[in-house]
Amino acid sequence: MRSVRARAAIGATLVVAVALVAAGLAVLLVLRDNLIGQADLQAEVAAREVAGQLALDTRYEDLDLDDAEDHPVQVTDEEGRVVFVSKGLQAVSGTRSPGVSPVPSASVGATASPDDDDDDDDDDGDDGGRPARGEVSSDDPDLSDGTATVDGKHADYRFAAVEATTSAGITLTVHAGAPLAPEQEAVDTVRGAMLTGLPVLLAVVAGVTWLVTRRALRPVEGIRRQMAAITASEDLARRVPEPDSRDEIAALARTTNETLTVLEASVERQRRFVADASHELRSPIASLRTQLEVAEAHPELLDLPGAVADTVRLQALAADLLLLARLDAGEKPGAARLEVGALVREEVSQRAGDRIPVTVEVAEDAAYEVNGSRGQVARVVGNLLDNAQRHAEGLVAVSVAADGRGVRVEVRDDGAGVPEDERERIFERFVRLDDARSRDDGGAGLGLAIARDVAARHGGTLTVHRAPEGGAAFRLWLPRAE
């Protein structure tokens, strides 16, 4: 019951069962109505045949009732008294009167005497105002359900009541029945066939649904087993099998492999980050420990400025690593509105120890507003200026200008520039293009990586190009505030 195959098979079986039961009930109701309609028609025809004979003043004993066994007849007068019943009718219900014993009557059906015949012959058509012949009512017959016992056989019938008026002006009601046994047999036969076939059909539906679902979910089981193997082995280089079909399962397998690729790259980047961070931290810690051990043994040899420098470098590196950890954790920048031109001027004014003075190119009357974290944007500008100071020969310039729907901050220098094939690699963490450069001069290789991550978190970009002065031009683009 917990598997998808079982739930799908049970669900499909229940749906088909409900649909078949509803359809079967509808078929039985329609069939029953049609058969009852046929029985009504038969009963009406039989009643009108008898009514037509009575309208012609046919005597009761002369009525033509060849199918009296199938269509029992009862005739009542205006007062509801039974004046005639068909041969073999022993009991009846569902008509105006349950009686089956005719009451003597002088109306149609009474045996005529010879005097009556002579009187009729001498009448010469003078009927005293009575109609020359009777008539049968053209109204729809009254239909009812009932029972009748004919020759000892009790059965259900459908009765039709038709009125007939004799030439003497007497109104008689003819009740003729049509048996419901054929209708009941037909309905029972169809019902039995449905009850017999329904379980077989439901079993077929359940089996086919089970097999089809099992075949459809077979790739999912392969994906599950491979994912379990990857989890157990911790080998993110493995991939789940992708079926050849172009359905949702194939899309799931492709998405899973894409997720594994991203996860593998993320884990590899994290491992490399940890290794590089450990390597970078080991140098200043080892240097600081050496100086402290020497100072402990020979206090006069203590290099206090060196120890302070190593401590400052260690503190800066720890701050960079902490910021990268927050960025990797998905920390979102604030939504504060800040003016980039004022921020750049403020950041440059606070740089008192720069080797080369920074030239600021910002229009005084322009407003370049963006949304984001003031501290993080200032950190990006500071990192770019530090990088320019490290490589410049005699010029470091920063400019702010509008660029489409955003703001562009460009930091230029006149140094050696960045080779075109290295312009993406320099934004990787712990990357230094000049391997001969000392760690103290070249930094830890985190400044540009932090700058690009911060730019991306703010919805912007950071790229490097060749400056007109021949050095590098770093362009920070941020979307303008609404």
Protein backbone atom coordinates (compact mmCIF):
# COMPACT_ATOMS: atom_id res chain seq x y z
CA MET A 1 0.00 0.00 0.00
CA ARG A 2 2.96 2.34 0.48
CA SER A 3 4.31 1.86 -3.05
CA VAL A 4 3.32 4.06 -5.94
CA ARG A 5 2.43 0.99 -7.99
CA ALA A 6 -0.06 -0.23 -5.40
CA ARG A 7 -1.64 3.18 -4.94
CA ALA A 8 -1.90 3.71 -8.69
CA ALA A 9 -3.45 0.27 -9.22
CA ILE A 10 -5.93 0.73 -6.37
CA GLY A 11 -6.80 4.25 -7.48
CA ALA A 12 -7.35 3.22 -11.10
CA THR A 13 -9.41 0.22 -10.01
CA LEU A 14 -11.61 2.34 -7.76
CA VAL A 15 -12.17 4.92 -10.48
CA VAL A 16 -13.06 2.27 -13.04
CA ALA A 17 -15.29 0.50 -10.51
CA VAL A 18 -17.22 3.68 -9.75
CA ALA A 19 -17.52 4.47 -13.46
CA LEU A 20 -18.69 0.95 -14.32
CA VAL A 21 -21.17 0.82 -11.46
CA ALA A 22 -22.60 4.18 -12.47
CA ALA A 23 -22.74 3.15 -16.12
CA GLY A 24 -24.28 -0.22 -15.19
CA LEU A 25 -26.98 1.39 -13.09
CA ALA A 26 -27.73 3.81 -15.92
CA VAL A 27 -27.97 0.92 -18.41
CA LEU A 28 -30.24 -1.05 -16.10
CA LEU A 29 -32.50 1.95 -15.53
CA VAL A 30 -32.73 2.70 -19.25
CA LEU A 31 -33.35 -0.98 -20.04
CA ARG A 32 -36.01 -1.24 -17.37
CA ASP A 33 -37.73 1.92 -18.59
CA ASN A 34 -37.72 0.67 -22.17
CA LEU A 35 -39.11 -2.73 -21.21
CA ILE A 36 -41.76 -1.17 -18.98
CA GLY A 37 -42.64 1.12 -21.88
CA GLN A 38 -43.09 -1.93 -24.10
CA ALA A 39 -45.25 -3.55 -21.43
CA ASP A 40 -47.32 -0.35 -21.19
CA LEU A 41 -47.81 -0.38 -24.95
CA GLN A 42 -48.88 -4.05 -24.94
CA ALA A 43 -51.30 -3.45 -22.09
CA GLU A 44 -52.76 -0.39 -23.84
CA VAL A 45 -53.20 -2.28 -27.14
CA ALA A 46 -54.93 -5.15 -25.36
CA ALA A 47 -57.18 -2.77 -23.42
CA ARG A 48 -58.16 -0.80 -26.52
CA GLU A 49 -58.95 -3.99 -28.45
CA VAL A 50 -61.38 -5.06 -25.73
CA ALA A 51 -62.73 -1.50 -25.39
CA GLY A 52 -63.32 -1.37 -29.14
CA GLN A 53 -65.34 -4.58 -29.02
CA LEU A 54 -67.42 -3.27 -26.11
CA ALA A 55 -68.02 -0.02 -27.98
CA LEU A 56 -69.53 -2.16 -30.74
CA ASP A 57 -71.90 -3.72 -28.18
CA THR A 58 -70.18 -7.08 -28.33
CA ARG A 59 -71.53 -9.40 -25.66
CA TYR A 60 -69.14 -10.41 -22.90
CA GLU A 61 -69.22 -14.06 -23.84
CA ASP A 62 -68.42 -13.13 -27.43
CA LEU A 63 -65.36 -10.99 -26.64
CA ASP A 64 -62.26 -12.09 -28.58
CA LEU A 65 -59.64 -12.79 -25.89
CA ASP A 66 -57.23 -15.19 -27.54
CA ASP A 67 -54.25 -14.14 -25.32
CA ALA A 68 -56.12 -13.96 -22.03
CA GLU A 69 -53.35 -15.92 -20.31
CA ASP A 70 -50.76 -13.24 -21.18
CA HIS A 71 -53.10 -10.26 -20.98
CA PRO A 72 -55.71 -10.72 -18.25
CA VAL A 73 -58.72 -8.42 -18.59
CA GLN A 74 -61.08 -6.93 -16.02
CA VAL A 75 -64.05 -4.72 -16.93
CA THR A 76 -65.78 -2.42 -14.43
CA ASP A 77 -68.79 -0.17 -14.81
CA GLU A 78 -69.25 3.44 -13.80
CA GLU A 79 -69.82 2.44 -10.16
CA GLY A 80 -66.64 0.37 -10.04
CA ARG A 81 -68.42 -2.96 -10.04
CA VAL A 82 -66.77 -5.83 -11.87
CA VAL A 83 -68.93 -6.84 -14.82
CA PHE A 84 -66.47 -9.08 -16.65
CA VAL A 85 -63.11 -10.85 -16.17
CA SER A 86 -61.09 -12.90 -18.61
CA LYS A 87 -61.00 -16.67 -18.38
CA GLY A 88 -58.72 -18.09 -15.70
CA LEU A 89 -58.29 -14.80 -13.77
CA GLN A 90 -58.40 -15.80 -10.12
CA ALA A 91 -57.03 -12.72 -8.37
CA VAL A 92 -55.97 -9.23 -9.33
CA SER A 93 -54.53 -6.09 -7.71
CA GLY A 94 -53.56 -2.69 -9.03
CA THR A 95 -56.89 -2.01 -10.79
CA ARG A 96 -59.90 -0.02 -9.62
CA SER A 97 -61.43 -3.12 -8.07
CA PRO A 98 -59.75 -6.25 -6.72
CA GLY A 99 -62.81 -8.34 -7.53
CA VAL A 100 -62.82 -11.19 -10.03
CA SER A 101 -66.50 -12.21 -9.75
CA PRO A 102 -68.71 -10.38 -12.28
CA VAL A 103 -71.91 -8.76 -10.97
CA PRO A 104 -75.04 -9.46 -13.05
CA SER A 105 -75.86 -6.48 -15.20
CA ALA A 106 -78.39 -5.61 -17.87
CA SER A 107 -75.78 -3.69 -19.78
CA VAL A 108 -73.72 -4.88 -22.72
CA GLY A 109 -72.95 -8.53 -22.36
CA ALA A 110 -76.37 -9.62 -21.03
CA THR A 111 -77.91 -12.36 -23.10
CA ALA A 112 -80.72 -10.95 -25.30
CA SER A 113 -84.19 -12.57 -25.42
CA PRO A 114 -86.10 -13.21 -28.64
CA ASP A 115 -88.54 -10.43 -27.74
CA ASP A 116 -85.62 -8.08 -27.49
CA ASP A 117 -84.56 -9.15 -30.99
CA ASP A 118 -88.06 -8.52 -32.37
CA ASP A 119 -88.19 -5.17 -30.73
CA ASP A 120 -84.86 -4.36 -32.24
CA ASP A 121 -86.06 -5.44 -35.68
CA ASP A 122 -89.20 -3.30 -35.45
CA ASP A 123 -87.27 -0.33 -34.18
CA ASP A 124 -86.33 0.70 -37.75
CA GLY A 125 -83.34 2.58 -36.39
CA ASP A 126 -85.32 4.64 -33.94
CA ASP A 127 -82.98 4.50 -30.94
CA GLY A 128 -84.70 7.10 -28.82
CA GLY A 129 -81.77 9.49 -29.01
CA ARG A 130 -79.07 6.95 -28.19
CA PRO A 131 -75.94 6.82 -30.34
CA ALA A 132 -76.01 4.26 -33.12
CA ARG A 133 -72.69 2.89 -31.90
CA GLY A 134 -70.32 3.40 -28.95
CA GLU A 135 -66.83 4.95 -28.81
CA VAL A 136 -63.44 4.42 -27.16
CA SER A 137 -61.77 7.22 -25.19
CA SER A 138 -58.83 8.76 -26.99
CA ASP A 139 -57.20 9.95 -23.78
CA ASP A 140 -53.95 8.42 -22.58
CA PRO A 141 -54.64 5.32 -20.52
CA ASP A 142 -54.07 5.18 -16.79
CA LEU A 143 -51.08 2.96 -16.11
CA SER A 144 -50.38 1.15 -12.87
CA ASP A 145 -48.40 -1.71 -11.39
CA GLY A 146 -50.21 -4.71 -10.04
CA THR A 147 -50.37 -8.48 -9.75
CA ALA A 148 -52.62 -11.13 -11.13
CA THR A 149 -53.18 -14.85 -10.64
CA VAL A 150 -54.09 -16.66 -13.84
CA ASP A 151 -54.71 -20.41 -13.75
CA GLY A 152 -52.87 -20.58 -10.45
CA LYS A 153 -49.80 -18.65 -11.66
CA HIS A 154 -49.10 -15.46 -9.73
CA ALA A 155 -47.01 -12.75 -11.48
CA ASP A 156 -46.45 -9.04 -11.68
CA TYR A 157 -48.26 -7.08 -14.37
CA ARG A 158 -48.47 -3.63 -15.84
CA PHE A 159 -52.15 -2.56 -16.22
CA ALA A 160 -53.63 -0.04 -18.64
CA ALA A 161 -57.13 1.36 -18.08
CA VAL A 162 -59.14 2.49 -21.14
CA GLU A 163 -62.73 3.77 -21.07
CA ALA A 164 -65.31 2.70 -23.61
CA THR A 165 -68.83 4.06 -24.07
CA THR A 166 -71.51 1.70 -25.44
CA SER A 167 -74.28 2.68 -27.77
CA ALA A 168 -76.53 2.72 -24.70
CA GLY A 169 -74.42 5.48 -23.17
CA ILE A 170 -72.90 3.24 -20.51
CA THR A 171 -69.25 3.91 -19.70
CA LEU A 172 -67.11 0.87 -18.98
CA THR A 173 -63.46 0.76 -17.93
CA VAL A 174 -61.29 -1.98 -19.38
CA HIS A 175 -58.21 -3.00 -17.37
CA ALA A 176 -55.79 -5.08 -19.44
CA GLY A 177 -52.46 -6.31 -18.13
CA ALA A 178 -49.11 -7.05 -19.69
CA PRO A 179 -46.72 -9.37 -17.82
CA LEU A 180 -43.50 -7.92 -16.36
CA ALA A 181 -41.75 -11.29 -16.21
CA PRO A 182 -39.86 -10.75 -19.49
CA GLU A 183 -38.71 -7.34 -18.25
CA GLN A 184 -37.59 -8.79 -14.95
CA GLU A 185 -35.80 -11.66 -16.66
CA ALA A 186 -34.00 -9.31 -19.05
CA VAL A 187 -32.95 -6.97 -16.23
CA ASP A 188 -31.84 -9.91 -14.09
CA THR A 189 -29.85 -11.33 -17.00
CA VAL A 190 -28.08 -8.05 -17.68
CA ARG A 191 -27.48 -7.49 -13.96
CA GLY A 192 -26.02 -10.97 -13.58
CA ALA A 193 -23.75 -10.46 -16.57
CA MET A 194 -22.53 -7.18 -15.12
CA LEU A 195 -21.95 -8.64 -11.68
CA THR A 196 -20.03 -11.51 -13.25
CA GLY A 197 -17.94 -9.39 -15.59
CA LEU A 198 -17.25 -6.51 -13.22
CA PRO A 199 -14.76 -8.35 -10.95
CA VAL A 200 -12.97 -9.77 -13.98
CA LEU A 201 -12.73 -6.36 -15.61
CA LEU A 202 -11.53 -4.74 -12.39
CA ALA A 203 -8.90 -7.44 -11.98
CA VAL A 204 -7.70 -6.78 -15.53
CA VAL A 205 -7.58 -3.01 -14.87
CA ALA A 206 -5.66 -3.52 -11.63
CA GLY A 207 -3.18 -5.90 -13.27
CA VAL A 208 -2.58 -3.72 -16.32
CA THR A 209 -2.19 -0.60 -14.17
CA TRP A 210 0.27 -2.43 -11.91
CA LEU A 211 2.37 -3.62 -14.87
CA VAL A 212 2.30 -0.28 -16.69
CA THR A 213 3.18 1.65 -13.52
CA ARG A 214 5.93 -0.83 -12.71
CA ARG A 215 7.42 -0.44 -16.17
CA ALA A 216 7.12 3.36 -16.01
CA LEU A 217 8.75 3.53 -12.58
CA ARG A 218 11.57 1.12 -13.37
CA PRO A 219 13.95 4.00 -14.27
CA VAL A 220 13.02 5.69 -10.99
CA GLU A 221 14.14 2.61 -9.12
CA GLY A 222 17.42 2.73 -11.05
CA ILE A 223 17.85 6.37 -10.09
CA ARG A 224 17.11 5.54 -6.45
CA ARG A 225 19.63 2.70 -6.33
CA GLN A 226 22.33 4.85 -7.93
CA MET A 227 21.62 7.72 -5.54
CA ALA A 228 21.84 5.31 -2.62
CA ALA A 229 25.17 4.04 -3.96
CA ILE A 230 26.45 7.61 -4.35
CA THR A 231 25.38 8.42 -0.80
CA ALA A 232 27.09 5.31 0.56
CA SER A 233 30.31 5.83 -1.39
CA GLU A 234 30.34 9.66 -1.12
CA ASP A 235 31.59 9.67 -4.72
CA LEU A 236 29.91 12.70 -6.29
CA ALA A 237 31.56 11.98 -9.64
CA ARG A 238 29.05 9.19 -10.30
CA ARG A 239 25.82 9.92 -12.16
CA VAL A 240 22.36 8.34 -12.28
CA PRO A 241 21.24 6.54 -15.46
CA GLU A 242 19.24 8.64 -17.90
CA PRO A 243 16.51 6.76 -19.82
CA ASP A 244 16.18 7.27 -23.57
CA SER A 245 12.59 8.44 -23.25
CA ARG A 246 11.69 12.11 -23.27
CA ASP A 247 9.19 11.96 -20.44
CA GLU A 248 9.17 13.42 -16.94
CA ILE A 249 11.37 10.64 -15.56
CA ALA A 250 14.09 11.40 -18.10
CA ALA A 251 13.84 15.07 -17.13
CA LEU A 252 14.14 14.04 -13.47
CA ALA A 253 17.29 12.02 -14.23
CA ARG A 254 18.85 14.93 -16.16
CA THR A 255 18.01 17.37 -13.40
CA THR A 256 19.44 14.98 -10.81
CA ASN A 257 22.70 14.70 -12.75
CA GLU A 258 22.87 18.48 -13.11
CA THR A 259 22.35 18.79 -9.36
CA LEU A 260 25.10 16.25 -8.73
CA THR A 261 27.41 18.21 -11.03
CA VAL A 262 26.75 21.45 -9.18
CA LEU A 263 27.10 19.66 -5.83
CA GLU A 264 30.37 18.06 -6.89
CA ALA A 265 31.73 21.43 -7.99
CA SER A 266 30.55 23.02 -4.75
CA VAL A 267 32.11 20.32 -2.59
CA GLU A 268 35.34 20.47 -4.59
CA ARG A 269 35.41 24.24 -4.28
CA GLN A 270 34.78 23.95 -0.56
CA ARG A 271 37.57 21.41 -0.14
CA ARG A 272 39.95 23.58 -2.13
CA PHE A 273 38.88 26.60 -0.10
CA VAL A 274 39.56 24.81 3.17
CA ALA A 275 42.94 23.60 1.94
CA ASP A 276 43.93 27.03 0.64
CA ALA A 277 42.67 28.74 3.79
CA SER A 278 44.69 26.35 5.95
CA HIS A 279 47.75 26.98 3.80
CA GLU A 280 47.32 30.76 3.97
CA LEU A 281 46.73 30.76 7.71
CA ARG A 282 49.70 28.52 8.41
CA SER A 283 52.30 31.03 7.18
CA PRO A 284 51.42 34.01 9.42
CA ILE A 285 50.73 31.74 12.37
CA ALA A 286 54.08 29.98 11.94
CA SER A 287 55.89 33.32 11.52
CA LEU A 288 54.20 34.77 14.59
CA ARG A 289 54.98 31.66 16.65
CA THR A 290 58.64 31.78 15.58
CA GLN A 291 58.96 35.41 16.60
CA LEU A 292 57.32 34.75 19.96
CA GLU A 293 59.55 31.71 20.64
CA VAL A 294 62.66 33.75 19.77
CA ALA A 295 61.45 36.60 21.97
CA GLU A 296 60.90 34.18 24.83
CA ALA A 297 64.45 32.90 24.61
CA HIS A 298 66.08 36.23 23.68
CA PRO A 299 63.89 39.20 24.60
CA GLU A 300 66.34 41.62 23.03
CA LEU A 301 65.69 40.02 19.57
CA LEU A 302 61.89 40.57 19.66
CA ASP A 303 60.69 41.91 16.29
CA LEU A 304 57.60 43.69 17.54
CA PRO A 305 56.71 45.43 14.25
CA GLY A 306 56.92 42.10 12.41
CA ALA A 307 54.72 40.41 14.98
CA VAL A 308 52.17 43.20 14.69
CA ALA A 309 52.27 42.96 10.89
CA ASP A 310 51.72 39.22 11.00
CA THR A 311 48.87 39.69 13.44
CA VAL A 312 47.24 42.35 11.24
CA ARG A 313 47.62 40.13 8.20
CA LEU A 314 46.15 37.21 10.12
CA GLN A 315 43.22 39.36 11.25
CA ALA A 316 42.55 40.58 7.69
CA LEU A 317 42.69 37.05 6.34
CA ALA A 318 40.26 35.83 9.00
CA ALA A 319 37.89 38.69 8.17
CA ASP A 320 38.05 37.81 4.46
CA LEU A 321 37.33 34.15 5.17
CA LEU A 322 34.41 35.07 7.41
CA LEU A 323 32.92 37.31 4.72
CA LEU A 324 33.28 34.57 2.11
CA ALA A 325 31.59 32.11 4.45
CA ARG A 326 28.65 34.50 4.86
CA LEU A 327 28.40 35.00 1.11
CA ASP A 328 28.50 31.25 0.46
CA ALA A 329 25.74 30.81 3.03
CA GLY A 330 23.50 33.02 0.89
CA GLU A 331 23.56 36.17 2.98
CA LYS A 332 21.50 38.83 1.20
CA PRO A 333 22.63 42.45 1.11
CA GLY A 334 20.54 45.09 2.79
CA ALA A 335 17.96 47.13 0.92
CA ALA A 336 19.35 50.53 1.93
CA ARG A 337 19.60 53.22 -0.74
CA LEU A 338 23.12 54.59 -1.15
CA GLU A 339 24.75 57.15 -3.44
CA VAL A 340 27.74 55.56 -5.16
CA GLY A 341 29.55 58.81 -6.00
CA ALA A 342 29.57 59.95 -2.38
CA LEU A 343 30.61 56.46 -1.24
CA VAL A 344 33.60 56.43 -3.61
CA ARG A 345 34.74 59.90 -2.54
CA GLU A 346 34.45 58.92 1.13
CA GLU A 347 36.36 55.66 0.59
CA VAL A 348 39.20 57.43 -1.24
CA SER A 349 39.41 60.17 1.40
CA GLN A 350 40.03 57.56 4.10
CA ARG A 351 43.03 56.00 2.29
CA ALA A 352 45.89 57.93 3.84
CA GLY A 353 48.69 55.39 3.32
CA ASP A 354 48.36 54.81 -0.44
CA ARG A 355 51.58 54.64 -2.43
CA ILE A 356 50.01 56.49 -5.36
CA PRO A 357 47.36 59.22 -4.95
CA VAL A 358 43.95 58.16 -6.28
CA THR A 359 42.29 60.34 -8.91
CA VAL A 360 38.48 60.54 -8.49
CA GLU A 361 36.29 61.26 -11.52
CA VAL A 362 32.70 61.79 -10.33
CA ALA A 363 30.29 64.45 -11.56
CA GLU A 364 29.32 66.76 -8.71
CA ASP A 365 25.72 67.36 -9.82
CA ALA A 366 24.87 63.73 -10.69
CA ALA A 367 23.17 61.21 -8.41
CA TYR A 368 24.09 57.54 -8.79
CA GLU A 369 21.86 55.66 -6.36
CA VAL A 370 21.74 51.90 -5.90
CA ASN A 371 20.18 49.54 -3.35
CA GLY A 372 22.41 47.37 -1.22
CA SER A 373 24.81 47.12 1.70
CA ARG A 374 26.99 50.20 2.12
CA GLY A 375 29.69 48.22 3.91
CA GLN A 376 29.89 45.53 1.24
CA VAL A 377 29.94 47.97 -1.70
CA ALA A 378 32.63 49.99 0.07
CA ARG A 379 34.57 46.75 0.57
CA VAL A 380 34.44 46.10 -3.19
CA VAL A 381 35.75 49.59 -4.01
CA GLY A 382 38.48 49.23 -1.38
CA ASN A 383 39.58 45.84 -2.73
CA LEU A 384 39.76 47.20 -6.29
CA LEU A 385 41.81 50.19 -5.14
CA ASP A 386 44.15 47.90 -3.15
CA ASN A 387 44.66 45.78 -6.25
CA ALA A 388 45.37 48.86 -8.38
CA GLN A 389 47.85 50.23 -5.80
CA ARG A 390 49.66 46.90 -5.85
CA HIS A 391 50.19 46.87 -9.64
CA ALA A 392 50.21 50.52 -10.70
CA GLU A 393 53.35 52.32 -11.87
CA GLY A 394 52.21 55.88 -11.21
CA LEU A 395 48.44 56.20 -11.85
CA VAL A 396 45.36 54.98 -10.01
CA ALA A 397 42.01 56.46 -11.05
CA VAL A 398 38.42 55.71 -10.12
CA SER A 399 35.37 57.01 -11.99
CA VAL A 400 31.60 56.77 -11.51
CA ALA A 401 29.15 57.15 -14.39
CA ALA A 402 25.73 56.05 -15.55
CA ASP A 403 25.66 52.93 -17.71
CA GLY A 404 22.28 52.01 -19.17
CA ARG A 405 19.92 51.13 -16.32
CA GLY A 406 22.76 50.91 -13.85
CA VAL A 407 25.82 52.62 -12.39
CA ARG A 408 29.39 51.83 -13.47
CA VAL A 409 32.36 52.19 -11.15
CA GLU A 410 35.69 51.81 -12.97
CA VAL A 411 39.11 51.52 -11.28
CA ARG A 412 42.13 51.93 -13.63
CA ASP A 413 45.89 51.72 -13.27
CA ASP A 414 48.87 51.99 -15.57
CA GLY A 415 50.51 48.75 -14.58
CA ALA A 416 51.18 45.64 -16.63
CA GLY A 417 47.48 44.78 -16.94
CA VAL A 418 45.89 41.33 -16.95
CA PRO A 419 46.48 38.88 -19.81
CA GLU A 420 43.27 38.18 -21.70
CA ASP A 421 43.36 34.44 -21.01
CA GLU A 422 43.66 35.12 -17.27
CA ARG A 423 40.84 37.65 -16.92
CA GLU A 424 38.40 35.11 -15.43
CA ARG A 425 40.89 33.13 -13.43
CA ILE A 426 41.93 36.12 -11.30
CA PHE A 427 38.46 36.14 -9.72
CA GLU A 428 38.97 32.64 -8.32
CA ARG A 429 39.86 32.35 -4.66
CA PHE A 430 43.53 32.21 -3.60
CA VAL A 431 44.74 32.88 -7.17
CA ARG A 432 47.86 34.98 -7.78
CA LEU A 433 49.09 35.52 -11.31
CA ASP A 434 52.65 36.35 -10.17
CA ASP A 435 53.84 33.27 -8.30
CA ALA A 436 57.17 34.96 -7.52
CA ARG A 437 55.37 37.74 -5.66
CA SER A 438 55.62 37.38 -1.89
CA ARG A 439 52.54 36.79 0.11
CA ASP A 440 53.01 40.04 1.94
CA ASP A 441 53.06 42.01 -1.32
CA GLY A 442 50.55 40.01 -3.29
CA GLY A 443 47.97 39.36 -0.60
CA ALA A 444 46.05 36.11 -0.11
CA GLY A 445 44.27 36.21 -3.44
CA LEU A 446 40.81 36.77 -1.92
CA GLY A 447 40.15 40.45 -2.66
CA LEU A 448 38.90 40.08 -6.24
CA ALA A 449 36.95 36.91 -5.41
CA ILE A 450 35.15 38.75 -2.62
CA ALA A 451 34.50 41.73 -4.90
CA ARG A 452 32.86 39.61 -7.60
CA ASP A 453 30.75 37.65 -5.08
CA VAL A 454 29.48 40.89 -3.53
CA ALA A 455 28.68 42.30 -6.97
CA ALA A 456 26.71 39.19 -7.86
CA ARG A 457 24.78 39.35 -4.56
CA HIS A 458 23.76 42.91 -5.48
CA GLY A 459 22.57 41.87 -8.93
CA GLY A 460 25.57 43.36 -10.67
CA THR A 461 28.75 42.28 -12.42
CA LEU A 462 32.51 42.77 -12.09
CA THR A 463 34.76 42.42 -15.13
CA VAL A 464 38.30 43.39 -16.08
CA HIS A 465 39.43 45.08 -19.31
CA ARG A 466 42.47 46.87 -20.68
CA ALA A 467 42.72 50.49 -19.52
CA PRO A 468 43.58 53.33 -21.91
CA GLU A 469 46.72 53.90 -19.81
CA GLY A 470 47.80 50.32 -20.60
CA GLY A 471 47.04 48.71 -17.27
CA ALA A 472 43.92 46.99 -15.94
CA ALA A 473 40.46 48.54 -15.78
CA PHE A 474 38.05 46.84 -13.37
CA ARG A 475 34.40 47.71 -14.07
CA LEU A 476 31.79 47.24 -11.35
CA TRP A 477 28.21 47.53 -12.64
CA LEU A 478 25.27 47.76 -10.23
CA PRO A 479 21.57 48.18 -11.11
CA ARG A 480 20.24 51.66 -10.47
CA ALA A 481 17.74 52.03 -7.61
CA GLU A 482 14.09 52.33 -8.65
